[in-house]
Amino acid sequence: MRLSQVDAYMRSDEAQQFDDRLNQQISNEIFWLKKKDII
């Protein structure tokens, strides 16, 4: 993603939606990592 989007993405408490299935899967993994450990 664009650098300007990273901070909002990482601070969001909601899972982000992607059109691509693989991107969605990886984004979900990042989301659960953030939920498990506040980073």
PDB file of all heavy atoms in Angstrom:
ATOM      1  N   MET A   1       0.861  -1.183   0.000  1.00  0.00           N
ATOM      2  CA  MET A   1       0.000   0.000   0.000  1.00  0.00           C
ATOM      3  C   MET A   1       0.893   1.227   0.000  1.00  0.00           C
ATOM      4  O   MET A   1       2.111   1.128   0.181  1.00  0.00           O
ATOM      5  CB  MET A   1      -0.933   0.007   1.211  1.00  0.00           C
ATOM      6  CG  MET A   1      -0.248   0.124   2.551  1.00  0.00           C
ATOM      7  SD  MET A   1      -1.409   0.087   3.956  1.00  0.00           S
ATOM      8  CE  MET A   1      -2.097  -1.567   3.783  1.00  0.00           C
ATOM      9  N   ARG A   2       0.288   2.382  -0.210  1.00  0.00           N
ATOM     10  CA  ARG A   2       1.057   3.623  -0.175  1.00  0.00           C
ATOM     11  C   ARG A   2       1.501   3.918   1.252  1.00  0.00           C
ATOM     12  O   ARG A   2       0.780   3.624   2.217  1.00  0.00           O
ATOM     13  CB  ARG A   2       0.240   4.788  -0.731  1.00  0.00           C
ATOM     14  CG  ARG A   2      -0.154   4.597  -2.182  1.00  0.00           C
ATOM     15  CD  ARG A   2      -0.849   5.825  -2.741  1.00  0.00           C
ATOM     16  NE  ARG A   2      -1.415   5.536  -4.055  1.00  0.00           N
ATOM     17  CZ  ARG A   2      -0.725   5.521  -5.179  1.00  0.00           C
ATOM     18  NH1 ARG A   2       0.576   5.783  -5.150  1.00  0.00           N
ATOM     19  NH2 ARG A   2      -1.301   5.253  -6.328  1.00  0.00           N
ATOM     20  N   LEU A   3       2.698   4.501   1.383  1.00  0.00           N
ATOM     21  CA  LEU A   3       3.215   4.819   2.713  1.00  0.00           C
ATOM     22  C   LEU A   3       2.221   5.671   3.496  1.00  0.00           C
ATOM     23  O   LEU A   3       2.054   5.484   4.708  1.00  0.00           O
ATOM     24  CB  LEU A   3       4.558   5.547   2.591  1.00  0.00           C
ATOM     25  CG  LEU A   3       5.214   5.976   3.907  1.00  0.00           C
ATOM     26  CD1 LEU A   3       5.535   4.761   4.778  1.00  0.00           C
ATOM     27  CD2 LEU A   3       6.480   6.779   3.636  1.00  0.00           C
ATOM     28  N   SER A   4       1.548   6.576   2.824  1.00  0.00           N
ATOM     29  CA  SER A   4       0.598   7.460   3.501  1.00  0.00           C
ATOM     30  C   SER A   4      -0.587   6.719   4.097  1.00  0.00           C
ATOM     31  O   SER A   4      -1.288   7.253   4.967  1.00  0.00           O
ATOM     32  CB  SER A   4       0.085   8.519   2.517  1.00  0.00           C
ATOM     33  OG  SER A   4      -0.556   7.905   1.412  1.00  0.00           O
ATOM     34  N   GLN A   5      -0.817   5.472   3.677  1.00  0.00           N
ATOM     35  CA  GLN A   5      -1.950   4.695   4.175  1.00  0.00           C
ATOM     36  C   GLN A   5      -1.594   3.799   5.359  1.00  0.00           C
ATOM     37  O   GLN A   5      -2.488   3.273   6.032  1.00  0.00           O
ATOM     38  CB  GLN A   5      -2.504   3.812   3.047  1.00  0.00           C
ATOM     39  CG  GLN A   5      -3.017   4.574   1.847  1.00  0.00           C
ATOM     40  CD  GLN A   5      -3.395   3.652   0.703  1.00  0.00           C
ATOM     41  OE1 GLN A   5      -2.595   2.827   0.262  1.00  0.00           O
ATOM     42  NE2 GLN A   5      -4.624   3.779   0.227  1.00  0.00           N
ATOM     43  N   VAL A   6      -0.313   3.625   5.603  1.00  0.00           N
ATOM     44  CA  VAL A   6       0.127   2.615   6.572  1.00  0.00           C
ATOM     45  C   VAL A   6      -0.332   2.935   7.992  1.00  0.00           C
ATOM     46  O   VAL A   6      -0.850   2.068   8.713  1.00  0.00           O
ATOM     47  CB  VAL A   6       1.660   2.450   6.526  1.00  0.00           C
ATOM     48  CG1 VAL A   6       2.137   1.562   7.676  1.00  0.00           C
ATOM     49  CG2 VAL A   6       2.095   1.870   5.193  1.00  0.00           C
ATOM     50  N   ASP A   7      -0.151   4.160   8.426  1.00  0.00           N
ATOM     51  CA  ASP A   7      -0.452   4.497   9.816  1.00  0.00           C
ATOM     52  C   ASP A   7      -1.924   4.251  10.132  1.00  0.00           C
ATOM     53  O   ASP A   7      -2.252   3.631  11.152  1.00  0.00           O
ATOM     54  CB  ASP A   7      -0.082   5.952  10.099  1.00  0.00           C
ATOM     55  CG  ASP A   7      -0.171   6.283  11.574  1.00  0.00           C
ATOM     56  OD1 ASP A   7       0.501   5.609  12.379  1.00  0.00           O
ATOM     57  OD2 ASP A   7      -0.924   7.221  11.943  1.00  0.00           O
ATOM     58  N   ALA A   8      -2.820   4.704   9.259  1.00  0.00           N
ATOM     59  CA  ALA A   8      -4.251   4.496   9.495  1.00  0.00           C
ATOM     60  C   ALA A   8      -4.593   3.011   9.471  1.00  0.00           C
ATOM     61  O   ALA A   8      -5.416   2.536  10.280  1.00  0.00           O
ATOM     62  CB  ALA A   8      -5.066   5.254   8.453  1.00  0.00           C
ATOM     63  N   TYR A   9      -3.975   2.266   8.552  1.00  0.00           N
ATOM     64  CA  TYR A   9      -4.217   0.821   8.470  1.00  0.00           C
ATOM     65  C   TYR A   9      -3.809   0.134   9.770  1.00  0.00           C
ATOM     66  O   TYR A   9      -4.546  -0.701  10.305  1.00  0.00           O
ATOM     67  CB  TYR A   9      -3.445   0.244   7.290  1.00  0.00           C
ATOM     68  CG  TYR A   9      -3.510  -1.265   7.193  1.00  0.00           C
ATOM     69  CD1 TYR A   9      -4.537  -1.895   6.499  1.00  0.00           C
ATOM     70  CD2 TYR A   9      -2.530  -2.052   7.793  1.00  0.00           C
ATOM     71  CE1 TYR A   9      -4.597  -3.279   6.413  1.00  0.00           C
ATOM     72  CE2 TYR A   9      -2.579  -3.436   7.714  1.00  0.00           C
ATOM     73  CZ  TYR A   9      -3.613  -4.045   7.028  1.00  0.00           C
ATOM     74  OH  TYR A   9      -3.677  -5.417   6.955  1.00  0.00           O
ATOM     75  N   MET A  10      -2.628   0.475  10.293  1.00  0.00           N
ATOM     76  CA  MET A  10      -2.132  -0.183  11.495  1.00  0.00           C
ATOM     77  C   MET A  10      -2.903   0.239  12.748  1.00  0.00           C
ATOM     78  O   MET A  10      -2.997  -0.524  13.709  1.00  0.00           O
ATOM     79  CB  MET A  10      -0.638   0.114  11.665  1.00  0.00           C
ATOM     80  CG  MET A  10       0.249  -0.517  10.606  1.00  0.00           C
ATOM     81  SD  MET A  10       0.082  -2.335  10.522  1.00  0.00           S
ATOM     82  CE  MET A  10       0.646  -2.801  12.173  1.00  0.00           C
ATOM     83  N   ARG A  11      -3.466   1.432  12.750  1.00  0.00           N
ATOM     84  CA  ARG A  11      -4.209   1.905  13.921  1.00  0.00           C
ATOM     85  C   ARG A  11      -5.663   1.447  13.925  1.00  0.00           C
ATOM     86  O   ARG A  11      -6.335   1.508  14.957  1.00  0.00           O
ATOM     87  CB  ARG A  11      -4.158   3.436  13.987  1.00  0.00           C
ATOM     88  CG  ARG A  11      -2.791   3.999  14.312  1.00  0.00           C
ATOM     89  CD  ARG A  11      -2.828   5.529  14.314  1.00  0.00           C
ATOM     90  NE  ARG A  11      -1.536   6.112  14.606  1.00  0.00           N
ATOM     91  CZ  ARG A  11      -1.082   6.358  15.842  1.00  0.00           C
ATOM     92  NH1 ARG A  11      -1.850   6.076  16.886  1.00  0.00           N
ATOM     93  NH2 ARG A  11       0.104   6.884  16.031  1.00  0.00           N
ATOM     94  N   SER A  12      -6.156   0.978  12.795  1.00  0.00           N
ATOM     95  CA  SER A  12      -7.563   0.624  12.688  1.00  0.00           C
ATOM     96  C   SER A  12      -7.912  -0.580  13.573  1.00  0.00           C
ATOM     97  O   SER A  12      -7.166  -1.561  13.650  1.00  0.00           O
ATOM     98  CB  SER A  12      -7.915   0.304  11.236  1.00  0.00           C
ATOM     99  OG  SER A  12      -9.249  -0.118  11.139  1.00  0.00           O
ATOM    100  N   ASP A  13      -9.069  -0.488  14.220  1.00  0.00           N
ATOM    101  CA  ASP A  13      -9.566  -1.601  15.039  1.00  0.00           C
ATOM    102  C   ASP A  13     -10.457  -2.545  14.246  1.00  0.00           C
ATOM    103  O   ASP A  13     -10.995  -3.511  14.809  1.00  0.00           O
ATOM    104  CB  ASP A  13     -10.361  -1.054  16.238  1.00  0.00           C
ATOM    105  CG  ASP A  13      -9.470  -0.334  17.233  1.00  0.00           C
ATOM    106  OD1 ASP A  13      -8.294  -0.722  17.358  1.00  0.00           O
ATOM    107  OD2 ASP A  13      -9.955   0.614  17.883  1.00  0.00           O
ATOM    108  N   GLU A  14     -10.612  -2.282  12.980  1.00  0.00           N
ATOM    109  CA  GLU A  14     -11.458  -3.119  12.136  1.00  0.00           C
ATOM    110  C   GLU A  14     -10.629  -3.752  11.020  1.00  0.00           C
ATOM    111  O   GLU A  14      -9.688  -3.144  10.510  1.00  0.00           O
ATOM    112  CB  GLU A  14     -12.590  -2.294  11.527  1.00  0.00           C
ATOM    113  CG  GLU A  14     -13.530  -1.688  12.572  1.00  0.00           C
ATOM    114  CD  GLU A  14     -14.645  -0.899  11.933  1.00  0.00           C
ATOM    115  OE1 GLU A  14     -14.665  -0.828  10.674  1.00  0.00           O
ATOM    116  OE2 GLU A  14     -15.487  -0.356  12.672  1.00  0.00           O
ATOM    117  N   ALA A  15     -10.990  -4.963  10.645  1.00  0.00           N
ATOM    118  CA  ALA A  15     -10.309  -5.639   9.544  1.00  0.00           C
ATOM    119  C   ALA A  15     -10.579  -4.898   8.243  1.00  0.00           C
ATOM    120  O   ALA A  15     -11.710  -4.484   7.976  1.00  0.00           O
ATOM    121  CB  ALA A  15     -10.782  -7.087   9.443  1.00  0.00           C
ATOM    122  N   GLN A  16      -9.540  -4.706   7.455  1.00  0.00           N
ATOM    123  CA  GLN A  16      -9.664  -3.992   6.190  1.00  0.00           C
ATOM    124  C   GLN A  16     -10.076  -4.944   5.074  1.00  0.00           C
ATOM    125  O   GLN A  16      -9.758  -6.140   5.109  1.00  0.00           O
ATOM    126  CB  GLN A  16      -8.335  -3.323   5.835  1.00  0.00           C
ATOM    127  CG  GLN A  16      -7.827  -2.375   6.917  1.00  0.00           C
ATOM    128  CD  GLN A  16      -8.782  -1.210   7.118  1.00  0.00           C
ATOM    129  OE1 GLN A  16      -8.995  -0.417   6.217  1.00  0.00           O
ATOM    130  NE2 GLN A  16      -9.345  -1.097   8.320  1.00  0.00           N
ATOM    131  N   GLN A  17     -10.764  -4.403   4.083  1.00  0.00           N
ATOM    132  CA  GLN A  17     -11.277  -5.220   2.994  1.00  0.00           C
ATOM    133  C   GLN A  17     -10.441  -5.004   1.726  1.00  0.00           C
ATOM    134  O   GLN A  17     -10.144  -3.873   1.358  1.00  0.00           O
ATOM    135  CB  GLN A  17     -12.733  -4.878   2.710  1.00  0.00           C
ATOM    136  CG  GLN A  17     -13.656  -5.114   3.897  1.00  0.00           C
ATOM    137  CD  GLN A  17     -13.624  -6.546   4.388  1.00  0.00           C
ATOM    138  OE1 GLN A  17     -13.751  -7.472   3.577  1.00  0.00           O
ATOM    139  NE2 GLN A  17     -13.448  -6.738   5.688  1.00  0.00           N
ATOM    140  N   PHE A  18     -10.068  -6.125   1.074  1.00  0.00           N
ATOM    141  CA  PHE A  18      -9.318  -6.097  -0.181  1.00  0.00           C
ATOM    142  C   PHE A  18     -10.092  -6.885  -1.239  1.00  0.00           C
ATOM    143  O   PHE A  18     -10.777  -7.858  -0.925  1.00  0.00           O
ATOM    144  CB  PHE A  18      -7.929  -6.723   0.004  1.00  0.00           C
ATOM    145  CG  PHE A  18      -6.970  -5.890   0.804  1.00  0.00           C
ATOM    146  CD1 PHE A  18      -7.037  -5.859   2.190  1.00  0.00           C
ATOM    147  CD2 PHE A  18      -5.997  -5.130   0.171  1.00  0.00           C
ATOM    148  CE1 PHE A  18      -6.157  -5.096   2.923  1.00  0.00           C
ATOM    149  CE2 PHE A  18      -5.106  -4.365   0.899  1.00  0.00           C
ATOM    150  CZ  PHE A  18      -5.188  -4.337   2.276  1.00  0.00           C
ATOM    151  N   ASP A  19      -9.982  -6.444  -2.477  1.00  0.00           N
ATOM    152  CA  ASP A  19     -10.654  -7.148  -3.573  1.00  0.00           C
ATOM    153  C   ASP A  19      -9.986  -8.489  -3.868  1.00  0.00           C
ATOM    154  O   ASP A  19     -10.650  -9.471  -4.190  1.00  0.00           O
ATOM    155  CB  ASP A  19     -10.659  -6.286  -4.839  1.00  0.00           C
ATOM    156  CG  ASP A  19     -11.502  -5.033  -4.674  1.00  0.00           C
ATOM    157  OD1 ASP A  19     -12.461  -5.074  -3.880  1.00  0.00           O
ATOM    158  OD2 ASP A  19     -11.196  -4.013  -5.334  1.00  0.00           O
ATOM    159  N   ASP A  20      -8.664  -8.510  -3.764  1.00  0.00           N
ATOM    160  CA  ASP A  20      -7.909  -9.726  -4.062  1.00  0.00           C
ATOM    161  C   ASP A  20      -7.969 -10.692  -2.880  1.00  0.00           C
ATOM    162  O   ASP A  20      -7.750 -10.303  -1.728  1.00  0.00           O
ATOM    163  CB  ASP A  20      -6.451  -9.361  -4.374  1.00  0.00           C
ATOM    164  CG  ASP A  20      -5.606 -10.579  -4.654  1.00  0.00           C
ATOM    165  OD1 ASP A  20      -5.652 -11.088  -5.779  1.00  0.00           O
ATOM    166  OD2 ASP A  20      -4.905 -11.028  -3.718  1.00  0.00           O
ATOM    167  N   ARG A  21      -8.243 -11.954  -3.163  1.00  0.00           N
ATOM    168  CA  ARG A  21      -8.420 -12.953  -2.093  1.00  0.00           C
ATOM    169  C   ARG A  21      -7.151 -13.163  -1.283  1.00  0.00           C
ATOM    170  O   ARG A  21      -7.199 -13.253  -0.049  1.00  0.00           O
ATOM    171  CB  ARG A  21      -8.878 -14.276  -2.715  1.00  0.00           C
ATOM    172  CG  ARG A  21      -9.138 -15.371  -1.696  1.00  0.00           C
ATOM    173  CD  ARG A  21      -9.643 -16.631  -2.379  1.00  0.00           C
ATOM    174  NE  ARG A  21      -9.839 -17.707  -1.419  1.00  0.00           N
ATOM    175  CZ  ARG A  21     -10.256 -18.927  -1.744  1.00  0.00           C
ATOM    176  NH1 ARG A  21     -10.521 -19.209  -3.029  1.00  0.00           N
ATOM    177  NH2 ARG A  21     -10.399 -19.853  -0.830  1.00  0.00           N
ATOM    178  N   LEU A  22      -6.008 -13.256  -1.948  1.00  0.00           N
ATOM    179  CA  LEU A  22      -4.762 -13.486  -1.224  1.00  0.00           C
ATOM    180  C   LEU A  22      -4.405 -12.279  -0.363  1.00  0.00           C
ATOM    181  O   LEU A  22      -3.992 -12.428   0.792  1.00  0.00           O
ATOM    182  CB  LEU A  22      -3.628 -13.791  -2.208  1.00  0.00           C
ATOM    183  CG  LEU A  22      -2.268 -14.111  -1.586  1.00  0.00           C
ATOM    184  CD1 LEU A  22      -2.366 -15.247  -0.579  1.00  0.00           C
ATOM    185  CD2 LEU A  22      -1.246 -14.435  -2.670  1.00  0.00           C
ATOM    186  N   ASN A  23      -4.553 -11.067  -0.903  1.00  0.00           N
ATOM    187  CA  ASN A  23      -4.321  -9.876  -0.098  1.00  0.00           C
ATOM    188  C   ASN A  23      -5.229  -9.853   1.132  1.00  0.00           C
ATOM    189  O   ASN A  23      -4.808  -9.458   2.222  1.00  0.00           O
ATOM    190  CB  ASN A  23      -4.559  -8.612  -0.933  1.00  0.00           C
ATOM    191  CG  ASN A  23      -3.379  -8.255  -1.803  1.00  0.00           C
ATOM    192  OD1 ASN A  23      -2.239  -8.573  -1.492  1.00  0.00           O
ATOM    193  ND2 ASN A  23      -3.643  -7.605  -2.919  1.00  0.00           N
ATOM    194  N   GLN A  24      -6.473 -10.266   0.938  1.00  0.00           N
ATOM    195  CA  GLN A  24      -7.412 -10.290   2.054  1.00  0.00           C
ATOM    196  C   GLN A  24      -6.948 -11.267   3.136  1.00  0.00           C
ATOM    197  O   GLN A  24      -6.993 -10.968   4.335  1.00  0.00           O
ATOM    198  CB  GLN A  24      -8.803 -10.682   1.570  1.00  0.00           C
ATOM    199  CG  GLN A  24      -9.872 -10.615   2.654  1.00  0.00           C
ATOM    200  CD  GLN A  24     -10.098  -9.193   3.129  1.00  0.00           C
ATOM    201  OE1 GLN A  24     -10.478  -8.327   2.356  1.00  0.00           O
ATOM    202  NE2 GLN A  24      -9.842  -8.937   4.411  1.00  0.00           N
ATOM    203  N   GLN A  25      -6.487 -12.425   2.708  1.00  0.00           N
ATOM    204  CA  GLN A  25      -6.027 -13.427   3.667  1.00  0.00           C
ATOM    205  C   GLN A  25      -4.835 -12.920   4.468  1.00  0.00           C
ATOM    206  O   GLN A  25      -4.778 -13.071   5.690  1.00  0.00           O
ATOM    207  CB  GLN A  25      -5.655 -14.718   2.933  1.00  0.00           C
ATOM    208  CG  GLN A  25      -5.169 -15.828   3.849  1.00  0.00           C
ATOM    209  CD  GLN A  25      -4.776 -17.072   3.075  1.00  0.00           C
ATOM    210  OE1 GLN A  25      -5.119 -17.225   1.910  1.00  0.00           O
ATOM    211  NE2 GLN A  25      -4.039 -17.963   3.719  1.00  0.00           N
ATOM    212  N   ILE A  26      -3.868 -12.312   3.774  1.00  0.00           N
ATOM    213  CA  ILE A  26      -2.686 -11.810   4.468  1.00  0.00           C
ATOM    214  C   ILE A  26      -3.055 -10.645   5.380  1.00  0.00           C
ATOM    215  O   ILE A  26      -2.568 -10.541   6.513  1.00  0.00           O
ATOM    216  CB  ILE A  26      -1.604 -11.396   3.452  1.00  0.00           C
ATOM    217  CG1 ILE A  26      -1.149 -12.610   2.640  1.00  0.00           C
ATOM    218  CG2 ILE A  26      -0.412 -10.754   4.157  1.00  0.00           C
ATOM    219  CD1 ILE A  26      -0.251 -12.274   1.465  1.00  0.00           C
ATOM    220  N   SER A  27      -3.942  -9.769   4.913  1.00  0.00           N
ATOM    221  CA  SER A  27      -4.396  -8.660   5.747  1.00  0.00           C
ATOM    222  C   SER A  27      -5.089  -9.173   6.997  1.00  0.00           C
ATOM    223  O   SER A  27      -4.913  -8.610   8.096  1.00  0.00           O
ATOM    224  CB  SER A  27      -5.342  -7.755   4.953  1.00  0.00           C
ATOM    225  OG  SER A  27      -5.779  -6.667   5.752  1.00  0.00           O
ATOM    226  N   ASN A  28      -5.861 -10.242   6.876  1.00  0.00           N
ATOM    227  CA  ASN A  28      -6.507 -10.825   8.052  1.00  0.00           C
ATOM    228  C   ASN A  28      -5.475 -11.343   9.047  1.00  0.00           C
ATOM    229  O   ASN A  28      -5.654 -11.216  10.267  1.00  0.00           O
ATOM    230  CB  ASN A  28      -7.435 -11.966   7.626  1.00  0.00           C
ATOM    231  CG  ASN A  28      -8.670 -11.478   6.903  1.00  0.00           C
ATOM    232  OD1 ASN A  28      -9.012 -10.291   6.964  1.00  0.00           O
ATOM    233  ND2 ASN A  28      -9.346 -12.377   6.202  1.00  0.00           N
ATOM    234  N   GLU A  29      -4.379 -11.922   8.541  1.00  0.00           N
ATOM    235  CA  GLU A  29      -3.319 -12.397   9.433  1.00  0.00           C
ATOM    236  C   GLU A  29      -2.688 -11.232  10.190  1.00  0.00           C
ATOM    237  O   GLU A  29      -2.381 -11.336  11.380  1.00  0.00           O
ATOM    238  CB  GLU A  29      -2.258 -13.154   8.629  1.00  0.00           C
ATOM    239  CG  GLU A  29      -2.742 -14.470   8.057  1.00  0.00           C
ATOM    240  CD  GLU A  29      -1.657 -15.193   7.286  1.00  0.00           C
ATOM    241  OE1 GLU A  29      -0.463 -14.953   7.560  1.00  0.00           O
ATOM    242  OE2 GLU A  29      -1.993 -15.985   6.391  1.00  0.00           O
ATOM    243  N   ILE A  30      -2.465 -10.122   9.481  1.00  0.00           N
ATOM    244  CA  ILE A  30      -1.911  -8.934  10.138  1.00  0.00           C
ATOM    245  C   ILE A  30      -2.888  -8.419  11.191  1.00  0.00           C
ATOM    246  O   ILE A  30      -2.496  -8.037  12.303  1.00  0.00           O
ATOM    247  CB  ILE A  30      -1.596  -7.841   9.101  1.00  0.00           C
ATOM    248  CG1 ILE A  30      -0.499  -8.309   8.147  1.00  0.00           C
ATOM    249  CG2 ILE A  30      -1.176  -6.536   9.789  1.00  0.00           C
ATOM    250  CD1 ILE A  30      -0.248  -7.368   6.983  1.00  0.00           C
ATOM    251  N   PHE A  31      -4.168  -8.420  10.863  1.00  0.00           N
ATOM    252  CA  PHE A  31      -5.187  -7.950  11.796  1.00  0.00           C
ATOM    253  C   PHE A  31      -5.175  -8.780  13.078  1.00  0.00           C
ATOM    254  O   PHE A  31      -5.210  -8.233  14.187  1.00  0.00           O
ATOM    255  CB  PHE A  31      -6.565  -8.019  11.138  1.00  0.00           C
ATOM    256  CG  PHE A  31      -7.688  -7.653  12.054  1.00  0.00           C
ATOM    257  CD1 PHE A  31      -7.912  -6.333  12.414  1.00  0.00           C
ATOM    258  CD2 PHE A  31      -8.522  -8.637  12.566  1.00  0.00           C
ATOM    259  CE1 PHE A  31      -8.954  -5.989  13.261  1.00  0.00           C
ATOM    260  CE2 PHE A  31      -9.570  -8.306  13.416  1.00  0.00           C
ATOM    261  CZ  PHE A  31      -9.780  -6.978  13.768  1.00  0.00           C
ATOM    262  N   TRP A  32      -5.102 -10.096  12.945  1.00  0.00           N
ATOM    263  CA  TRP A  32      -5.105 -10.945  14.130  1.00  0.00           C
ATOM    264  C   TRP A  32      -3.806 -10.822  14.912  1.00  0.00           C
ATOM    265  O   TRP A  32      -3.807 -10.950  16.148  1.00  0.00           O
ATOM    266  CB  TRP A  32      -5.400 -12.388  13.748  1.00  0.00           C
ATOM    267  CG  TRP A  32      -6.831 -12.579  13.368  1.00  0.00           C
ATOM    268  CD1 TRP A  32      -7.331 -12.871  12.132  1.00  0.00           C
ATOM    269  CD2 TRP A  32      -7.968 -12.430  14.220  1.00  0.00           C
ATOM    270  NE1 TRP A  32      -8.703 -12.915  12.161  1.00  0.00           N
ATOM    271  CE2 TRP A  32      -9.125 -12.651  13.432  1.00  0.00           C
ATOM    272  CE3 TRP A  32      -8.116 -12.131  15.580  1.00  0.00           C
ATOM    273  CZ2 TRP A  32     -10.410 -12.590  13.958  1.00  0.00           C
ATOM    274  CZ3 TRP A  32      -9.405 -12.064  16.109  1.00  0.00           C
ATOM    275  CH2 TRP A  32     -10.533 -12.287  15.303  1.00  0.00           C
ATOM    276  N   LEU A  33      -2.707 -10.552  14.223  1.00  0.00           N
ATOM    277  CA  LEU A  33      -1.465 -10.285  14.943  1.00  0.00           C
ATOM    278  C   LEU A  33      -1.616  -9.027  15.793  1.00  0.00           C
ATOM    279  O   LEU A  33      -1.191  -8.979  16.954  1.00  0.00           O
ATOM    280  CB  LEU A  33      -0.310 -10.120  13.957  1.00  0.00           C
ATOM    281  CG  LEU A  33       1.038  -9.675  14.542  1.00  0.00           C
ATOM    282  CD1 LEU A  33       1.568 -10.706  15.528  1.00  0.00           C
ATOM    283  CD2 LEU A  33       2.055  -9.414  13.442  1.00  0.00           C
ATOM    284  N   LYS A  34      -2.241  -7.995  15.224  1.00  0.00           N
ATOM    285  CA  LYS A  34      -2.464  -6.756  15.982  1.00  0.00           C
ATOM    286  C   LYS A  34      -3.412  -6.972  17.155  1.00  0.00           C
ATOM    287  O   LYS A  34      -3.285  -6.327  18.196  1.00  0.00           O
ATOM    288  CB  LYS A  34      -3.042  -5.673  15.064  1.00  0.00           C
ATOM    289  CG  LYS A  34      -2.115  -5.200  13.969  1.00  0.00           C
ATOM    290  CD  LYS A  34      -2.677  -3.944  13.310  1.00  0.00           C
ATOM    291  CE  LYS A  34      -4.026  -4.190  12.680  1.00  0.00           C
ATOM    292  NZ  LYS A  34      -4.629  -2.955  12.144  1.00  0.00           N
ATOM    293  N   LYS A  35      -4.398  -7.849  16.979  1.00  0.00           N
ATOM    294  CA  LYS A  35      -5.334  -8.130  18.054  1.00  0.00           C
ATOM    295  C   LYS A  35      -4.676  -8.915  19.178  1.00  0.00           C
ATOM    296  O   LYS A  35      -4.968  -8.707  20.362  1.00  0.00           O
ATOM    297  CB  LYS A  35      -6.536  -8.904  17.518  1.00  0.00           C
ATOM    298  CG  LYS A  35      -7.392  -8.148  16.530  1.00  0.00           C
ATOM    299  CD  LYS A  35      -8.225  -7.076  17.208  1.00  0.00           C
ATOM    300  CE  LYS A  35      -9.403  -7.676  17.942  1.00  0.00           C
ATOM    301  NZ  LYS A  35     -10.302  -6.620  18.479  1.00  0.00           N
ATOM    302  N   LYS A  36      -3.789  -9.827  18.797  1.00  0.00           N
ATOM    303  CA  LYS A  36      -3.122 -10.680  19.793  1.00  0.00           C
ATOM    304  C   LYS A  36      -2.088  -9.904  20.584  1.00  0.00           C
ATOM    305  O   LYS A  36      -1.971 -10.050  21.802  1.00  0.00           O
ATOM    306  CB  LYS A  36      -2.458 -11.860  19.067  1.00  0.00           C
ATOM    307  CG  LYS A  36      -1.746 -12.843  19.983  1.00  0.00           C
ATOM    308  CD  LYS A  36      -1.125 -13.971  19.189  1.00  0.00           C
ATOM    309  CE  LYS A  36      -0.043 -13.473  18.258  1.00  0.00           C
ATOM    310  NZ  LYS A  36       0.680 -14.555  17.554  1.00  0.00           N
ATOM    311  N   ASP A  37      -1.316  -9.085  19.901  1.00  0.00           N
ATOM    312  CA  ASP A  37      -0.263  -8.281  20.527  1.00  0.00           C
ATOM    313  C   ASP A  37      -0.445  -6.828  20.082  1.00  0.00           C
ATOM    314  O   ASP A  37      -0.424  -6.541  18.888  1.00  0.00           O
ATOM    315  CB  ASP A  37       1.125  -8.758  20.095  1.00  0.00           C
ATOM    316  CG  ASP A  37       1.462 -10.139  20.606  1.00  0.00           C
ATOM    317  OD1 ASP A  37       1.562 -10.302  21.832  1.00  0.00           O
ATOM    318  OD2 ASP A  37       1.623 -11.056  19.782  1.00  0.00           O
ATOM    319  N   ILE A  38      -0.615  -5.934  21.042  1.00  0.00           N
ATOM    320  CA  ILE A  38      -0.737  -4.514  20.707  1.00  0.00           C
ATOM    321  C   ILE A  38       0.650  -4.020  20.310  1.00  0.00           C
ATOM    322  O   ILE A  38       1.553  -3.911  21.138  1.00  0.00           O
ATOM    323  CB  ILE A  38      -1.283  -3.711  21.895  1.00  0.00           C
ATOM    324  CG1 ILE A  38      -2.678  -4.228  22.270  1.00  0.00           C
ATOM    325  CG2 ILE A  38      -1.354  -2.228  21.550  1.00  0.00           C
ATOM    326  CD1 ILE A  38      -3.256  -3.587  23.504  1.00  0.00           C
ATOM    327  N   ILE A  39       0.827  -3.741  19.013  1.00  0.00           N
ATOM    328  CA  ILE A  39       2.149  -3.415  18.503  1.00  0.00           C
ATOM    329  C   ILE A  39       2.177  -1.994  17.946  1.00  0.00           C
ATOM    330  O   ILE A  39       1.159  -1.452  17.532  1.00  0.00           O
ATOM    331  CB  ILE A  39       2.595  -4.422  17.424  1.00  0.00           C
ATOM    332  CG1 ILE A  39       1.580  -4.475  16.259  1.00  0.00           C
ATOM    333  CG2 ILE A  39       2.791  -5.808  18.036  1.00  0.00           C
ATOM    334  CD1 ILE A  39       2.012  -5.376  15.114  1.00  0.00           C
TER     335      ILE A  39
END
